[in-house]
All heavy atoms as atom14 arrays in JSON, in Angstrom:
{
  "sequence": "QLRELVSFITSGGTANYVDSVKGRFTISRDNA",
  "atom14_mask": [
    [1, 1, 1, 1, 1, 1, 1, 1, 1, 0, 0, 0, 0, 0],
    [1, 1, 1, 1, 1, 1, 1, 1, 0, 0, 0, 0, 0, 0],
    [1, 1, 1, 1, 1, 1, 1, 1, 1, 1, 1, 0, 0, 0],
    [1, 1, 1, 1, 1, 1, 1, 1, 1, 0, 0, 0, 0, 0],
    [1, 1, 1, 1, 1, 1, 1, 1, 0, 0, 0, 0, 0, 0],
    [1, 1, 1, 1, 1, 1, 1, 0, 0, 0, 0, 0, 0, 0],
    [1, 1, 1, 1, 1, 1, 0, 0, 0, 0, 0, 0, 0, 0],
    [1, 1, 1, 1, 1, 1, 1, 1, 1, 1, 1, 0, 0, 0],
    [1, 1, 1, 1, 1, 1, 1, 1, 0, 0, 0, 0, 0, 0],
    [1, 1, 1, 1, 1, 1, 1, 0, 0, 0, 0, 0, 0, 0],
    [1, 1, 1, 1, 1, 1, 0, 0, 0, 0, 0, 0, 0, 0],
    [1, 1, 1, 1, 0, 0, 0, 0, 0, 0, 0, 0, 0, 0],
    [1, 1, 1, 1, 0, 0, 0, 0, 0, 0, 0, 0, 0, 0],
    [1, 1, 1, 1, 1, 1, 1, 0, 0, 0, 0, 0, 0, 0],
    [1, 1, 1, 1, 1, 0, 0, 0, 0, 0, 0, 0, 0, 0],
    [1, 1, 1, 1, 1, 1, 1, 1, 0, 0, 0, 0, 0, 0],
    [1, 1, 1, 1, 1, 1, 1, 1, 1, 1, 1, 1, 0, 0],
    [1, 1, 1, 1, 1, 1, 1, 0, 0, 0, 0, 0, 0, 0],
    [1, 1, 1, 1, 1, 1, 1, 1, 0, 0, 0, 0, 0, 0],
    [1, 1, 1, 1, 1, 1, 0, 0, 0, 0, 0, 0, 0, 0],
    [1, 1, 1, 1, 1, 1, 1, 0, 0, 0, 0, 0, 0, 0],
    [1, 1, 1, 1, 1, 1, 1, 1, 1, 0, 0, 0, 0, 0],
    [1, 1, 1, 1, 0, 0, 0, 0, 0, 0, 0, 0, 0, 0],
    [1, 1, 1, 1, 1, 1, 1, 1, 1, 1, 1, 0, 0, 0],
    [1, 1, 1, 1, 1, 1, 1, 1, 1, 1, 1, 0, 0, 0],
    [1, 1, 1, 1, 1, 1, 1, 0, 0, 0, 0, 0, 0, 0],
    [1, 1, 1, 1, 1, 1, 1, 1, 0, 0, 0, 0, 0, 0],
    [1, 1, 1, 1, 1, 1, 0, 0, 0, 0, 0, 0, 0, 0],
    [1, 1, 1, 1, 1, 1, 1, 1, 1, 1, 1, 0, 0, 0],
    [1, 1, 1, 1, 1, 1, 1, 1, 0, 0, 0, 0, 0, 0],
    [1, 1, 1, 1, 1, 1, 1, 1, 0, 0, 0, 0, 0, 0],
    [1, 1, 1, 1, 1, 0, 0, 0, 0, 0, 0, 0, 0, 0]
  ],
  "atom14_positions": [
    [[18.38, -20.9, -10.28], [17.08, -20.26, -10.18], [17.23, -18.76, -9.99], [18.29, -18.26, -9.64], [16.28, -20.85, -9.02], [16.0, -22.34, -9.15], [15.1, -22.86, -8.05], [14.44, -22.1, -7.36], [15.07, -24.17, -7.9], [0.0, 0.0, 0.0], [0.0, 0.0, 0.0], [0.0, 0.0, 0.0], [0.0, 0.0, 0.0], [0.0, 0.0, 0.0]],
    [[16.14, -18.06, -10.25], [16.13, -16.62, -10.06], [16.06, -16.27, -8.58], [15.53, -17.03, -7.77], [14.93, -16.01, -10.78], [14.87, -16.17, -12.3], [13.55, -15.6, -12.82], [16.05, -15.48, -12.96], [0.0, 0.0, 0.0], [0.0, 0.0, 0.0], [0.0, 0.0, 0.0], [0.0, 0.0, 0.0], [0.0, 0.0, 0.0], [0.0, 0.0, 0.0]],
    [[16.6, -15.13, -8.27], [16.48, -14.64, -6.91], [15.04, -14.2, -6.65], [14.45, -13.49, -7.46], [17.44, -13.48, -6.68], [17.54, -13.02, -5.24], [18.65, -11.99, -5.06], [19.96, -12.52, -5.41], [21.11, -11.86, -5.24], [21.1, -10.64, -4.72], [22.25, -12.42, -5.61], [0.0, 0.0, 0.0], [0.0, 0.0, 0.0], [0.0, 0.0, 0.0]],
    [[14.48, -14.63, -5.55], [13.1, -14.3, -5.24], [13.0, -13.59, -3.91], [13.76, -13.85, -2.98], [12.22, -15.55, -5.23], [12.49, -16.51, -4.09], [11.41, -17.57, -3.91], [10.28, -17.38, -4.42], [11.69, -18.59, -3.26], [0.0, 0.0, 0.0], [0.0, 0.0, 0.0], [0.0, 0.0, 0.0], [0.0, 0.0, 0.0], [0.0, 0.0, 0.0]],
    [[12.03, -12.73, -3.83], [11.73, -12.06, -2.58], [11.02, -13.03, -1.65], [10.01, -13.64, -2.02], [10.86, -10.83, -2.82], [10.36, -10.08, -1.58], [11.52, -9.47, -0.81], [9.36, -9.0, -1.98], [0.0, 0.0, 0.0], [0.0, 0.0, 0.0], [0.0, 0.0, 0.0], [0.0, 0.0, 0.0], [0.0, 0.0, 0.0], [0.0, 0.0, 0.0]],
    [[11.53, -13.16, -0.44], [10.94, -14.03, 0.56], [10.05, -13.24, 1.5], [8.92, -13.64, 1.79], [12.03, -14.77, 1.36], [11.4, -15.63, 2.45], [12.88, -15.62, 0.43], [0.0, 0.0, 0.0], [0.0, 0.0, 0.0], [0.0, 0.0, 0.0], [0.0, 0.0, 0.0], [0.0, 0.0, 0.0], [0.0, 0.0, 0.0], [0.0, 0.0, 0.0]],
    [[10.57, -12.14, 1.98], [9.85, -11.35, 2.96], [10.42, -9.94, 3.0], [11.6, -9.74, 2.73], [9.95, -11.99, 4.35], [9.29, -11.22, 5.33], [0.0, 0.0, 0.0], [0.0, 0.0, 0.0], [0.0, 0.0, 0.0], [0.0, 0.0, 0.0], [0.0, 0.0, 0.0], [0.0, 0.0, 0.0], [0.0, 0.0, 0.0], [0.0, 0.0, 0.0]],
    [[9.58, -8.98, 3.36], [10.09, -7.66, 3.65], [9.24, -7.02, 4.73], [8.09, -7.4, 4.96], [10.15, -6.77, 2.4], [8.83, -6.3, 1.86], [8.3, -5.08, 2.24], [8.12, -7.06, 0.94], [7.09, -4.63, 1.73], [6.91, -6.63, 0.43], [6.39, -5.41, 0.82], [0.0, 0.0, 0.0], [0.0, 0.0, 0.0], [0.0, 0.0, 0.0]],
    [[9.85, -6.06, 5.39], [9.2, -5.35, 6.47], [9.4, -3.86, 6.26], [10.51, -3.4, 5.98], [9.73, -5.82, 7.85], [8.98, -5.13, 8.99], [11.23, -5.6, 7.97], [9.26, -5.78, 10.35], [0.0, 0.0, 0.0], [0.0, 0.0, 0.0], [0.0, 0.0, 0.0], [0.0, 0.0, 0.0], [0.0, 0.0, 0.0], [0.0, 0.0, 0.0]],
    [[8.33, -3.11, 6.36], [8.4, -1.68, 6.13], [8.97, -0.97, 7.33], [9.16, -1.54, 8.4], [7.01, -1.12, 5.81], [6.19, -1.18, 7.0], [6.33, -1.9, 4.69], [0.0, 0.0, 0.0], [0.0, 0.0, 0.0], [0.0, 0.0, 0.0], [0.0, 0.0, 0.0], [0.0, 0.0, 0.0], [0.0, 0.0, 0.0], [0.0, 0.0, 0.0]],
    [[9.25, 0.31, 7.15], [9.75, 1.1, 8.25], [8.75, 1.17, 9.39], [9.13, 1.36, 10.55], [10.11, 2.51, 7.78], [8.97, 3.17, 7.25], [0.0, 0.0, 0.0], [0.0, 0.0, 0.0], [0.0, 0.0, 0.0], [0.0, 0.0, 0.0], [0.0, 0.0, 0.0], [0.0, 0.0, 0.0], [0.0, 0.0, 0.0], [0.0, 0.0, 0.0]],
    [[7.47, 1.02, 9.07], [6.44, 1.01, 10.09], [6.2, -0.33, 10.74], [5.35, -0.43, 11.63], [0.0, 0.0, 0.0], [0.0, 0.0, 0.0], [0.0, 0.0, 0.0], [0.0, 0.0, 0.0], [0.0, 0.0, 0.0], [0.0, 0.0, 0.0], [0.0, 0.0, 0.0], [0.0, 0.0, 0.0], [0.0, 0.0, 0.0], [0.0, 0.0, 0.0]],
    [[6.91, -1.36, 10.29], [6.81, -2.67, 10.91], [5.83, -3.61, 10.26], [5.56, -4.69, 10.81], [0.0, 0.0, 0.0], [0.0, 0.0, 0.0], [0.0, 0.0, 0.0], [0.0, 0.0, 0.0], [0.0, 0.0, 0.0], [0.0, 0.0, 0.0], [0.0, 0.0, 0.0], [0.0, 0.0, 0.0], [0.0, 0.0, 0.0], [0.0, 0.0, 0.0]],
    [[5.29, -3.26, 9.12], [4.37, -4.15, 8.42], [5.15, -5.21, 7.64], [6.01, -4.88, 6.83], [3.47, -3.36, 7.46], [2.72, -2.39, 8.2], [2.51, -4.29, 6.74], [0.0, 0.0, 0.0], [0.0, 0.0, 0.0], [0.0, 0.0, 0.0], [0.0, 0.0, 0.0], [0.0, 0.0, 0.0], [0.0, 0.0, 0.0], [0.0, 0.0, 0.0]],
    [[4.82, -6.46, 7.88], [5.55, -7.57, 7.29], [4.78, -8.18, 6.13], [3.54, -8.23, 6.14], [5.83, -8.64, 8.34], [0.0, 0.0, 0.0], [0.0, 0.0, 0.0], [0.0, 0.0, 0.0], [0.0, 0.0, 0.0], [0.0, 0.0, 0.0], [0.0, 0.0, 0.0], [0.0, 0.0, 0.0], [0.0, 0.0, 0.0], [0.0, 0.0, 0.0]],
    [[5.51, -8.65, 5.14], [4.94, -9.31, 3.97], [5.77, -10.54, 3.66], [6.98, -10.56, 3.87], [4.93, -8.38, 2.77], [4.07, -7.15, 2.98], [2.89, -7.14, 2.67], [4.66, -6.1, 3.54], [0.0, 0.0, 0.0], [0.0, 0.0, 0.0], [0.0, 0.0, 0.0], [0.0, 0.0, 0.0], [0.0, 0.0, 0.0], [0.0, 0.0, 0.0]],
    [[5.11, -11.58, 3.12], [5.77, -12.85, 2.86], [5.31, -13.44, 1.53], [4.16, -13.28, 1.13], [5.47, -13.87, 3.95], [5.81, -13.4, 5.34], [4.87, -12.75, 6.13], [7.08, -13.62, 5.86], [5.19, -12.32, 7.4], [7.41, -13.2, 7.13], [6.45, -12.55, 7.91], [6.77, -12.12, 9.17], [0.0, 0.0, 0.0], [0.0, 0.0, 0.0]],
    [[6.22, -14.13, 0.89], [5.83, -14.93, -0.26], [4.96, -16.09, 0.25], [5.11, -16.55, 1.39], [7.07, -15.44, -1.01], [7.83, -16.46, -0.19], [6.68, -15.99, -2.37], [0.0, 0.0, 0.0], [0.0, 0.0, 0.0], [0.0, 0.0, 0.0], [0.0, 0.0, 0.0], [0.0, 0.0, 0.0], [0.0, 0.0, 0.0], [0.0, 0.0, 0.0]],
    [[4.03, -16.53, -0.58], [3.05, -17.53, -0.13], [3.71, -18.79, 0.42], [3.2, -19.39, 1.37], [2.11, -17.9, -1.28], [1.11, -16.81, -1.59], [0.94, -15.89, -0.77], [0.49, -16.88, -2.67], [0.0, 0.0, 0.0], [0.0, 0.0, 0.0], [0.0, 0.0, 0.0], [0.0, 0.0, 0.0], [0.0, 0.0, 0.0], [0.0, 0.0, 0.0]],
    [[4.81, -19.19, -0.16], [5.42, -20.46, 0.21], [5.98, -20.48, 1.62], [6.24, -21.56, 2.16], [6.52, -20.83, -0.79], [7.54, -19.86, -0.8], [0.0, 0.0, 0.0], [0.0, 0.0, 0.0], [0.0, 0.0, 0.0], [0.0, 0.0, 0.0], [0.0, 0.0, 0.0], [0.0, 0.0, 0.0], [0.0, 0.0, 0.0], [0.0, 0.0, 0.0]],
    [[6.18, -19.33, 2.24], [6.75, -19.29, 3.58], [5.79, -18.75, 4.62], [6.13, -18.71, 5.81], [8.06, -18.47, 3.63], [9.03, -18.94, 2.55], [7.78, -16.98, 3.49], [0.0, 0.0, 0.0], [0.0, 0.0, 0.0], [0.0, 0.0, 0.0], [0.0, 0.0, 0.0], [0.0, 0.0, 0.0], [0.0, 0.0, 0.0], [0.0, 0.0, 0.0]],
    [[4.61, -18.37, 4.21], [3.64, -17.84, 5.16], [3.32, -18.87, 6.24], [3.07, -20.03, 5.95], [2.36, -17.42, 4.44], [2.51, -16.16, 3.62], [1.2, -15.77, 2.95], [1.34, -14.49, 2.16], [0.09, -14.12, 1.45], [0.0, 0.0, 0.0], [0.0, 0.0, 0.0], [0.0, 0.0, 0.0], [0.0, 0.0, 0.0], [0.0, 0.0, 0.0]],
    [[3.32, -18.41, 7.47], [3.06, -19.29, 8.59], [4.29, -19.99, 9.11], [4.23, -20.6, 10.19], [0.0, 0.0, 0.0], [0.0, 0.0, 0.0], [0.0, 0.0, 0.0], [0.0, 0.0, 0.0], [0.0, 0.0, 0.0], [0.0, 0.0, 0.0], [0.0, 0.0, 0.0], [0.0, 0.0, 0.0], [0.0, 0.0, 0.0], [0.0, 0.0, 0.0]],
    [[5.4, -19.94, 8.38], [6.63, -20.6, 8.8], [7.76, -19.62, 9.11], [8.57, -19.88, 9.99], [7.1, -21.58, 7.73], [6.09, -22.67, 7.41], [6.69, -23.73, 6.49], [7.06, -23.18, 5.19], [8.31, -23.15, 4.7], [9.31, -23.64, 5.43], [8.55, -22.65, 3.5], [0.0, 0.0, 0.0], [0.0, 0.0, 0.0], [0.0, 0.0, 0.0]],
    [[7.82, -18.53, 8.37], [8.87, -17.54, 8.54], [8.31, -16.28, 9.18], [7.16, -15.91, 8.94], [9.5, -17.15, 7.19], [10.31, -18.23, 6.53], [10.32, -19.53, 6.99], [11.08, -17.91, 5.42], [11.06, -20.52, 6.36], [11.83, -18.88, 4.79], [11.83, -20.18, 5.26], [0.0, 0.0, 0.0], [0.0, 0.0, 0.0], [0.0, 0.0, 0.0]],
    [[9.14, -15.61, 9.96], [8.77, -14.35, 10.57], [9.92, -13.36, 10.42], [11.04, -13.65, 10.83], [8.43, -14.52, 12.06], [7.35, -15.45, 12.21], [8.01, -13.18, 12.65], [0.0, 0.0, 0.0], [0.0, 0.0, 0.0], [0.0, 0.0, 0.0], [0.0, 0.0, 0.0], [0.0, 0.0, 0.0], [0.0, 0.0, 0.0], [0.0, 0.0, 0.0]],
    [[9.62, -12.22, 9.85], [10.61, -11.17, 9.73], [10.38, -10.15, 10.84], [9.24, -9.88, 11.22], [10.56, -10.49, 8.34], [11.75, -9.56, 8.13], [9.24, -9.75, 8.14], [11.88, -9.04, 6.7], [0.0, 0.0, 0.0], [0.0, 0.0, 0.0], [0.0, 0.0, 0.0], [0.0, 0.0, 0.0], [0.0, 0.0, 0.0], [0.0, 0.0, 0.0]],
    [[11.45, -9.61, 11.36], [11.35, -8.61, 12.4], [12.54, -7.67, 12.31], [13.53, -7.97, 11.64], [11.27, -9.25, 13.79], [12.45, -9.99, 14.07], [0.0, 0.0, 0.0], [0.0, 0.0, 0.0], [0.0, 0.0, 0.0], [0.0, 0.0, 0.0], [0.0, 0.0, 0.0], [0.0, 0.0, 0.0], [0.0, 0.0, 0.0], [0.0, 0.0, 0.0]],
    [[12.42, -6.55, 12.97], [13.52, -5.6, 12.97], [13.7, -5.01, 14.35], [12.74, -4.81, 15.1], [13.29, -4.5, 11.92], [12.06, -3.62, 12.17], [11.73, -2.77, 10.93], [12.83, -1.91, 10.54], [12.98, -1.39, 9.33], [12.09, -1.65, 8.37], [14.02, -0.61, 9.07], [0.0, 0.0, 0.0], [0.0, 0.0, 0.0], [0.0, 0.0, 0.0]],
    [[14.94, -4.73, 14.67], [15.31, -4.08, 15.91], [16.11, -2.85, 15.52], [17.32, -2.93, 15.29], [16.11, -5.01, 16.82], [16.38, -4.41, 18.19], [16.29, -3.18, 18.34], [16.68, -5.18, 19.12], [0.0, 0.0, 0.0], [0.0, 0.0, 0.0], [0.0, 0.0, 0.0], [0.0, 0.0, 0.0], [0.0, 0.0, 0.0], [0.0, 0.0, 0.0]],
    [[15.43, -1.73, 15.43], [16.1, -0.52, 14.95], [17.18, -0.04, 15.9], [18.16, 0.56, 15.47], [15.07, 0.58, 14.71], [14.18, 0.3, 13.53], [14.57, -0.4, 12.58], [12.97, 0.85, 13.55], [0.0, 0.0, 0.0], [0.0, 0.0, 0.0], [0.0, 0.0, 0.0], [0.0, 0.0, 0.0], [0.0, 0.0, 0.0], [0.0, 0.0, 0.0]],
    [[17.01, -0.3, 17.19], [18.03, 0.09, 18.15], [19.34, -0.63, 17.89], [20.42, -0.08, 18.15], [17.55, -0.17, 19.57], [0.0, 0.0, 0.0], [0.0, 0.0, 0.0], [0.0, 0.0, 0.0], [0.0, 0.0, 0.0], [0.0, 0.0, 0.0], [0.0, 0.0, 0.0], [0.0, 0.0, 0.0], [0.0, 0.0, 0.0], [0.0, 0.0, 0.0]]
  ]
}
């Protein structure tokens, strides 16, 4: 299968998800 985007988070902390994982996956970042 093709590689697909699952989730990304902007430098400002805004998260986005592919529909199939919404409500199940959470992306986060710890810049420190």
